[in-house]
C-alpha atoms as a PDB file:
ATOM      1  CA  UNK A   1     -15.857 -13.180   7.257  1.00  0.00           C
ATOM      2  CA  UNK A   2     -15.390 -14.172   3.551  1.00  0.00           C
ATOM      3  CA  UNK A   3     -13.615 -17.746   3.127  1.00  0.00           C
ATOM      4  CA  UNK A   4     -10.696 -17.864   0.186  1.00  0.00           C
ATOM      5  CA  UNK A   5      -8.513 -20.420  -0.946  1.00  0.00           C
ATOM      6  CA  UNK A   6      -4.789 -19.931  -1.519  1.00  0.00           C
ATOM      7  CA  UNK A   7      -5.332 -20.110  -5.222  1.00  0.00           C
ATOM      8  CA  UNK A   8      -7.832 -17.133  -5.031  1.00  0.00           C
ATOM      9  CA  UNK A   9      -5.356 -15.308  -2.890  1.00  0.00           C
ATOM     10  CA  UNK A  10      -2.523 -15.941  -5.501  1.00  0.00           C
ATOM     11  CA  UNK A  11      -4.727 -15.023  -8.593  1.00  0.00           C
ATOM     12  CA  UNK A  12      -5.832 -11.702  -6.554  1.00  0.00           C
ATOM     13  CA  UNK A  13      -2.593 -10.461  -5.628  1.00  0.00           C
ATOM     14  CA  UNK A  14      -1.254 -11.439  -9.061  1.00  0.00           C
ATOM     15  CA  UNK A  15      -3.649  -9.069 -10.549  1.00  0.00           C
ATOM     16  CA  UNK A  16      -2.553  -6.584  -7.984  1.00  0.00           C
ATOM     17  CA  UNK A  17       1.320  -7.146  -8.728  1.00  0.00           C
ATOM     18  CA  UNK A  18       0.768  -6.945 -12.537  1.00  0.00           C
ATOM     19  CA  UNK A  19      -1.208  -3.929 -12.281  1.00  0.00           C
ATOM     20  CA  UNK A  20       1.340  -1.411 -11.170  1.00  0.00           C
ATOM     21  CA  UNK A  21       4.778  -0.522 -11.503  1.00  0.00           C
ATOM     22  CA  UNK A  22       6.813   1.147  -8.776  1.00  0.00           C
ATOM     23  CA  UNK A  23       4.095   1.152  -6.237  1.00  0.00           C
ATOM     24  CA  UNK A  24       0.751  -0.834  -6.314  1.00  0.00           C
ATOM     25  CA  UNK A  25      -0.626   0.400  -2.989  1.00  0.00           C
ATOM     26  CA  UNK A  26      -3.764   2.160  -5.250  1.00  0.00           C
ATOM     27  CA  UNK A  27      -4.372  -1.168  -6.974  1.00  0.00           C
ATOM     28  CA  UNK A  28      -4.227  -3.169  -3.931  1.00  0.00           C
ATOM     29  CA  UNK A  29      -6.583  -1.017  -2.141  1.00  0.00           C
ATOM     30  CA  UNK A  30      -9.006  -0.996  -5.227  1.00  0.00           C
ATOM     31  CA  UNK A  31      -8.877  -4.612  -5.680  1.00  0.00           C
ATOM     32  CA  UNK A  32      -8.984  -5.706  -1.946  1.00  0.00           C
ATOM     33  CA  UNK A  33     -11.614  -3.010  -0.831  1.00  0.00           C
ATOM     34  CA  UNK A  34     -13.669  -2.164  -4.247  1.00  0.00           C
ATOM     35  CA  UNK A  35     -13.491  -5.218  -6.532  1.00  0.00           C
ATOM     36  CA  UNK A  36     -13.254  -8.286  -4.316  1.00  0.00           C
ATOM     37  CA  UNK A  37     -14.674  -7.013  -1.051  1.00  0.00           C
ATOM     38  CA  UNK A  38     -12.262  -9.195   0.863  1.00  0.00           C
ATOM     39  CA  UNK A  39     -11.843  -6.373   3.485  1.00  0.00           C
ATOM     40  CA  UNK A  40     -13.834  -3.082   4.275  1.00  0.00           C
ATOM     41  CA  UNK A  41     -12.193   0.199   3.667  1.00  0.00           C
ATOM     42  CA  UNK A  42     -11.598   0.472   7.382  1.00  0.00           C
ATOM     43  CA  UNK A  43     -10.217  -3.030   7.598  1.00  0.00           C
ATOM     44  CA  UNK A  44      -7.714  -2.107   4.961  1.00  0.00           C
ATOM     45  CA  UNK A  45      -6.699   1.140   6.604  1.00  0.00           C
ATOM     46  CA  UNK A  46      -6.081  -0.211  10.091  1.00  0.00           C
ATOM     47  CA  UNK A  47      -3.979  -3.318   8.402  1.00  0.00           C
ATOM     48  CA  UNK A  48      -1.888  -1.110   6.079  1.00  0.00           C
ATOM     49  CA  UNK A  49      -1.188   0.906   9.297  1.00  0.00           C
ATOM     50  CA  UNK A  50       0.270  -1.826  11.173  1.00  0.00           C
ATOM     51  CA  UNK A  51       1.865  -3.189   7.787  1.00  0.00           C
ATOM     52  CA  UNK A  52       3.613   0.317   7.521  1.00  0.00           C
ATOM     53  CA  UNK A  53       5.281   0.264  10.717  1.00  0.00           C
ATOM     54  CA  UNK A  54       6.773  -3.246  10.509  1.00  0.00           C
ATOM     55  CA  UNK A  55      10.004  -3.753   8.410  1.00  0.00           C
ATOM     56  CA  UNK A  56       9.642  -4.592   4.713  1.00  0.00           C
ATOM     57  CA  UNK A  57       7.686  -3.307   1.869  1.00  0.00           C
ATOM     58  CA  UNK A  58       4.404  -2.026   2.840  1.00  0.00           C
ATOM     59  CA  UNK A  59       2.134  -3.978   0.290  1.00  0.00           C
ATOM     60  CA  UNK A  60       4.317  -7.116   0.564  1.00  0.00           C
ATOM     61  CA  UNK A  61       3.506  -6.847   4.450  1.00  0.00           C
ATOM     62  CA  UNK A  62      -0.102  -6.364   3.381  1.00  0.00           C
ATOM     63  CA  UNK A  63      -0.040  -9.609   1.361  1.00  0.00           C
ATOM     64  CA  UNK A  64       1.297 -11.458   4.448  1.00  0.00           C
ATOM     65  CA  UNK A  65      -1.551 -10.103   6.638  1.00  0.00           C
ATOM     66  CA  UNK A  66      -4.390 -10.642   4.232  1.00  0.00           C
ATOM     67  CA  UNK A  67      -3.197 -13.845   3.153  1.00  0.00           C
ATOM     68  CA  UNK A  68      -2.752 -15.148   6.650  1.00  0.00           C
ATOM     69  CA  UNK A  69      -6.089 -13.707   7.750  1.00  0.00           C
ATOM     70  CA  UNK A  70      -7.924 -16.071   5.180  1.00  0.00           C
ATOM     71  CA  UNK A  71      -5.651 -18.978   4.922  1.00  0.00           C
ATOM     72  CA  UNK A  72      -2.872 -18.834   7.373  1.00  0.00           C
ATOM     73  CA  UNK A  73       0.610 -19.450   6.328  1.00  0.00           C
ATOM     74  CA  UNK A  74      -0.378 -21.118   2.853  1.00  0.00           C
ATOM     75  CA  UNK A  75      -2.206 -17.842   2.195  1.00  0.00           C
ATOM     76  CA  UNK A  76       0.261 -15.672   3.211  1.00  0.00           C
ATOM     77  CA  UNK A  77       2.823 -17.581   0.895  1.00  0.00           C
ATOM     78  CA  UNK A  78       0.354 -17.519  -1.828  1.00  0.00           C
ATOM     79  CA  UNK A  79      -0.429 -14.027  -1.509  1.00  0.00           C
ATOM     80  CA  UNK A  80       3.356 -13.013  -1.582  1.00  0.00           C
ATOM     81  CA  UNK A  81       4.062 -15.324  -4.526  1.00  0.00           C
ATOM     82  CA  UNK A  82       1.254 -13.830  -6.561  1.00  0.00           C
ATOM     83  CA  UNK A  83       2.552 -10.363  -5.742  1.00  0.00           C
ATOM     84  CA  UNK A  84       5.991 -10.512  -6.652  1.00  0.00           C
ATOM     85  CA  UNK A  85       6.617 -13.494  -9.368  1.00  0.00           C
ATOM     86  CA  UNK A  86       5.070 -11.588 -12.418  1.00  0.00           C
ATOM     87  CA  UNK A  87       6.597  -8.298 -11.616  1.00  0.00           C
ATOM     88  CA  UNK A  88      10.017 -10.168 -11.030  1.00  0.00           C
ATOM     89  CA  UNK A  89      10.000 -11.313 -14.387  1.00  0.00           C
ATOM     90  CA  UNK A  90       8.903  -8.091 -15.904  1.00  0.00           C
ATOM     91  CA  UNK A  91      11.699  -6.085 -14.154  1.00  0.00           C
ATOM     92  CA  UNK A  92      14.084  -8.594 -15.532  1.00  0.00           C
ATOM     93  CA  UNK A  93      12.848  -8.214 -19.057  1.00  0.00           C
ATOM     94  CA  UNK A  94      12.880  -4.369 -18.760  1.00  0.00           C
ATOM     95  CA  UNK A  95      16.306  -4.387 -17.591  1.00  0.00           C
ATOM     96  CA  UNK A  96      17.190  -6.103 -20.380  1.00  0.00           C
ATOM     97  CA  UNK A  97      15.397  -3.807 -22.862  1.00  0.00           C
ATOM     98  CA  UNK A  98      16.715  -0.798 -20.809  1.00  0.00           C
ATOM     99  CA  UNK A  99      20.308  -1.740 -20.961  1.00  0.00           C
ATOM    100  CA  UNK A 100      19.889  -1.875 -24.656  1.00  0.00           C
ATOM    101  CA  UNK A 101      17.666   1.237 -25.374  1.00  0.00           C
ATOM    102  CA  UNK A 102      18.401   3.780 -22.620  1.00  0.00           C
ATOM    103  CA  UNK A 103      20.357   6.064 -24.769  1.00  0.00           C
ATOM    104  CA  UNK A 104      17.125   7.167 -26.339  1.00  0.00           C
ATOM    105  CA  UNK A 105      15.484  10.311 -25.323  1.00  0.00           C
ATOM    106  CA  UNK A 106      12.193   8.892 -26.279  1.00  0.00           C
ATOM    107  CA  UNK A 107      12.694   6.334 -23.366  1.00  0.00           C
ATOM    108  CA  UNK A 108      13.684   8.667 -20.753  1.00  0.00           C
ATOM    109  CA  UNK A 109      10.623  10.798 -21.698  1.00  0.00           C
ATOM    110  CA  UNK A 110       8.503   7.759 -21.175  1.00  0.00           C
ATOM    111  CA  UNK A 111       9.922   6.981 -17.817  1.00  0.00           C
ATOM    112  CA  UNK A 112       9.437  10.802 -16.731  1.00  0.00           C
ATOM    113  CA  UNK A 113       5.655  10.396 -17.754  1.00  0.00           C
ATOM    114  CA  UNK A 114       5.042   7.094 -15.792  1.00  0.00           C
ATOM    115  CA  UNK A 115       6.860   8.578 -12.692  1.00  0.00           C
ATOM    116  CA  UNK A 116       4.050  11.507 -12.745  1.00  0.00           C
ATOM    117  CA  UNK A 117       1.246   8.994 -13.007  1.00  0.00           C
ATOM    118  CA  UNK A 118       2.891   6.995 -10.005  1.00  0.00           C
ATOM    119  CA  UNK A 119       2.454  10.223  -8.018  1.00  0.00           C
ATOM    120  CA  UNK A 120      -1.001  10.636  -8.937  1.00  0.00           C
ATOM    121  CA  UNK A 121      -2.100   7.372  -8.246  1.00  0.00           C
ATOM    122  CA  UNK A 122      -0.588   7.496  -4.725  1.00  0.00           C
ATOM    123  CA  UNK A 123      -2.172  10.918  -4.225  1.00  0.00           C
ATOM    124  CA  UNK A 124      -5.556   9.340  -5.022  1.00  0.00           C
ATOM    125  CA  UNK A 125      -5.397   6.386  -2.697  1.00  0.00           C
ATOM    126  CA  UNK A 126      -4.441   8.794   0.000  1.00  0.00           C
ATOM    127  CA  UNK A 127      -7.340  10.836  -0.525  1.00  0.00           C
ATOM    128  CA  UNK A 128      -9.668   7.792  -0.503  1.00  0.00           C
ATOM    129  CA  UNK A 129      -8.189   6.739   2.933  1.00  0.00           C
ATOM    130  CA  UNK A 130      -8.437  10.108   4.223  1.00  0.00           C
ATOM    131  CA  UNK A 131     -12.073   9.894   3.609  1.00  0.00           C
ATOM    132  CA  UNK A 132     -12.413   7.167   6.281  1.00  0.00           C
ATOM    133  CA  UNK A 133     -10.989   9.523   8.824  1.00  0.00           C
ATOM    134  CA  UNK A 134     -14.014  11.729   8.445  1.00  0.00           C
ATOM    135  CA  UNK A 135     -15.996   9.040  10.301  1.00  0.00           C
ATOM    136  CA  UNK A 136     -14.062  10.018  13.626  1.00  0.00           C
ATOM    137  CA  UNK A 137     -12.802  13.563  12.922  1.00  0.00           C
ATOM    138  CA  UNK A 138     -10.451  13.760  15.834  1.00  0.00           C
ATOM    139  CA  UNK A 139      -8.097  11.358  13.934  1.00  0.00           C
ATOM    140  CA  UNK A 140      -7.461  14.216  11.416  1.00  0.00           C
ATOM    141  CA  UNK A 141      -5.359  15.604  14.241  1.00  0.00           C
ATOM    142  CA  UNK A 142      -2.802  12.832  13.281  1.00  0.00           C
ATOM    143  CA  UNK A 143      -2.858  13.716   9.600  1.00  0.00           C
ATOM    144  CA  UNK A 144      -2.400  17.301  10.603  1.00  0.00           C
ATOM    145  CA  UNK A 145       0.586  16.523  12.979  1.00  0.00           C
ATOM    146  CA  UNK A 146       2.323  14.128  10.099  1.00  0.00           C
ATOM    147  CA  UNK A 147       1.920  16.797   7.386  1.00  0.00           C
ATOM    148  CA  UNK A 148       3.332  19.424   9.635  1.00  0.00           C
ATOM    149  CA  UNK A 149       6.495  17.440  10.790  1.00  0.00           C
ATOM    150  CA  UNK A 150       7.165  16.180   7.382  1.00  0.00           C
ATOM    151  CA  UNK A 151       6.388  19.345   5.316  1.00  0.00           C
ATOM    152  CA  UNK A 152       7.160  22.035   7.429  1.00  0.00           C
ATOM    153  CA  UNK A 153       9.609  20.789   9.745  1.00  0.00           C
ATOM    154  CA  UNK A 154      11.178  18.169   7.034  1.00  0.00           C
ATOM    155  CA  UNK A 155      11.425  15.664   9.697  1.00  0.00           C
ATOM    156  CA  UNK A 156      12.581  12.266   8.552  1.00  0.00           C
ATOM    157  CA  UNK A 157      10.235   9.273   8.767  1.00  0.00           C
ATOM    158  CA  UNK A 158      11.489   8.088  12.087  1.00  0.00           C
ATOM    159  CA  UNK A 159      10.925  11.331  13.923  1.00  0.00           C
ATOM    160  CA  UNK A 160       7.392  11.949  12.359  1.00  0.00           C
ATOM    161  CA  UNK A 161       6.437   8.376  13.579  1.00  0.00           C
ATOM    162  CA  UNK A 162       7.785   8.924  17.172  1.00  0.00           C
ATOM    163  CA  UNK A 163       5.985  12.414  17.167  1.00  0.00           C
ATOM    164  CA  UNK A 164       2.631  11.264  15.645  1.00  0.00           C
ATOM    165  CA  UNK A 165       2.486   7.907  17.280  1.00  0.00           C
ATOM    166  CA  UNK A 166       1.580   8.850  20.816  1.00  0.00           C
ATOM    167  CA  UNK A 167      -1.378  11.240  19.421  1.00  0.00           C
ATOM    168  CA  UNK A 168      -2.433   8.235  17.320  1.00  0.00           C
ATOM    169  CA  UNK A 169      -2.600   5.659  20.061  1.00  0.00           C
ATOM    170  CA  UNK A 170      -4.487   8.320  22.235  1.00  0.00           C
ATOM    171  CA  UNK A 171      -7.064   8.808  19.840  1.00  0.00           C
ATOM    172  CA  UNK A 172      -7.475   5.015  18.929  1.00  0.00           C
ATOM    173  CA  UNK A 173      -7.769   4.039  22.410  1.00  0.00           C
ATOM    174  CA  UNK A 174     -10.583   6.783  23.022  1.00  0.00           C
ATOM    175  CA  UNK A 175     -12.519   5.429  19.470  1.00  0.00           C
ATOM    176  CA  UNK A 176     -12.201   2.115  20.970  1.00  0.00           C
ATOM    177  CA  UNK A 177     -13.901   3.197  24.139  1.00  0.00           C
ATOM    178  CA  UNK A 178     -16.822   4.620  22.196  1.00  0.00           C
END
């Protein structure tokens, strides 16, 4: 396992936090898996899966998990601070600017464009993570169950999790036995 210092975690998560706006999961995966190679793609997906079912923002939970894996409590604190300090300052500045310029149509158009980019980045990350599932094709059944439950039946998150969890746990158990 790679060894990291709290300062390295702080800097890495600062880059992640400052790379995105309104959702940094694509940047987190890119930094943690592809650039820094702190985790493998499978480790990232497994850790993110855990982070999605516990309370709190997914990427903040991920920062806690990654930080604590490499440096314990100090690493978790460094990762969360790195992830959040820069964006907090930027959001405060943007709120002040928006309060002053929100009446301009060009500002509204820019915000619509930024939201479209965010959707594309999240879709791209989902597709990259889906590639990992092809290593164990039965796990694609969970993806299908989730898509049908959420898209076709319009079920809320809690119902989707309750329906998909038994299938996911069963398949994970079988995968672990292999």
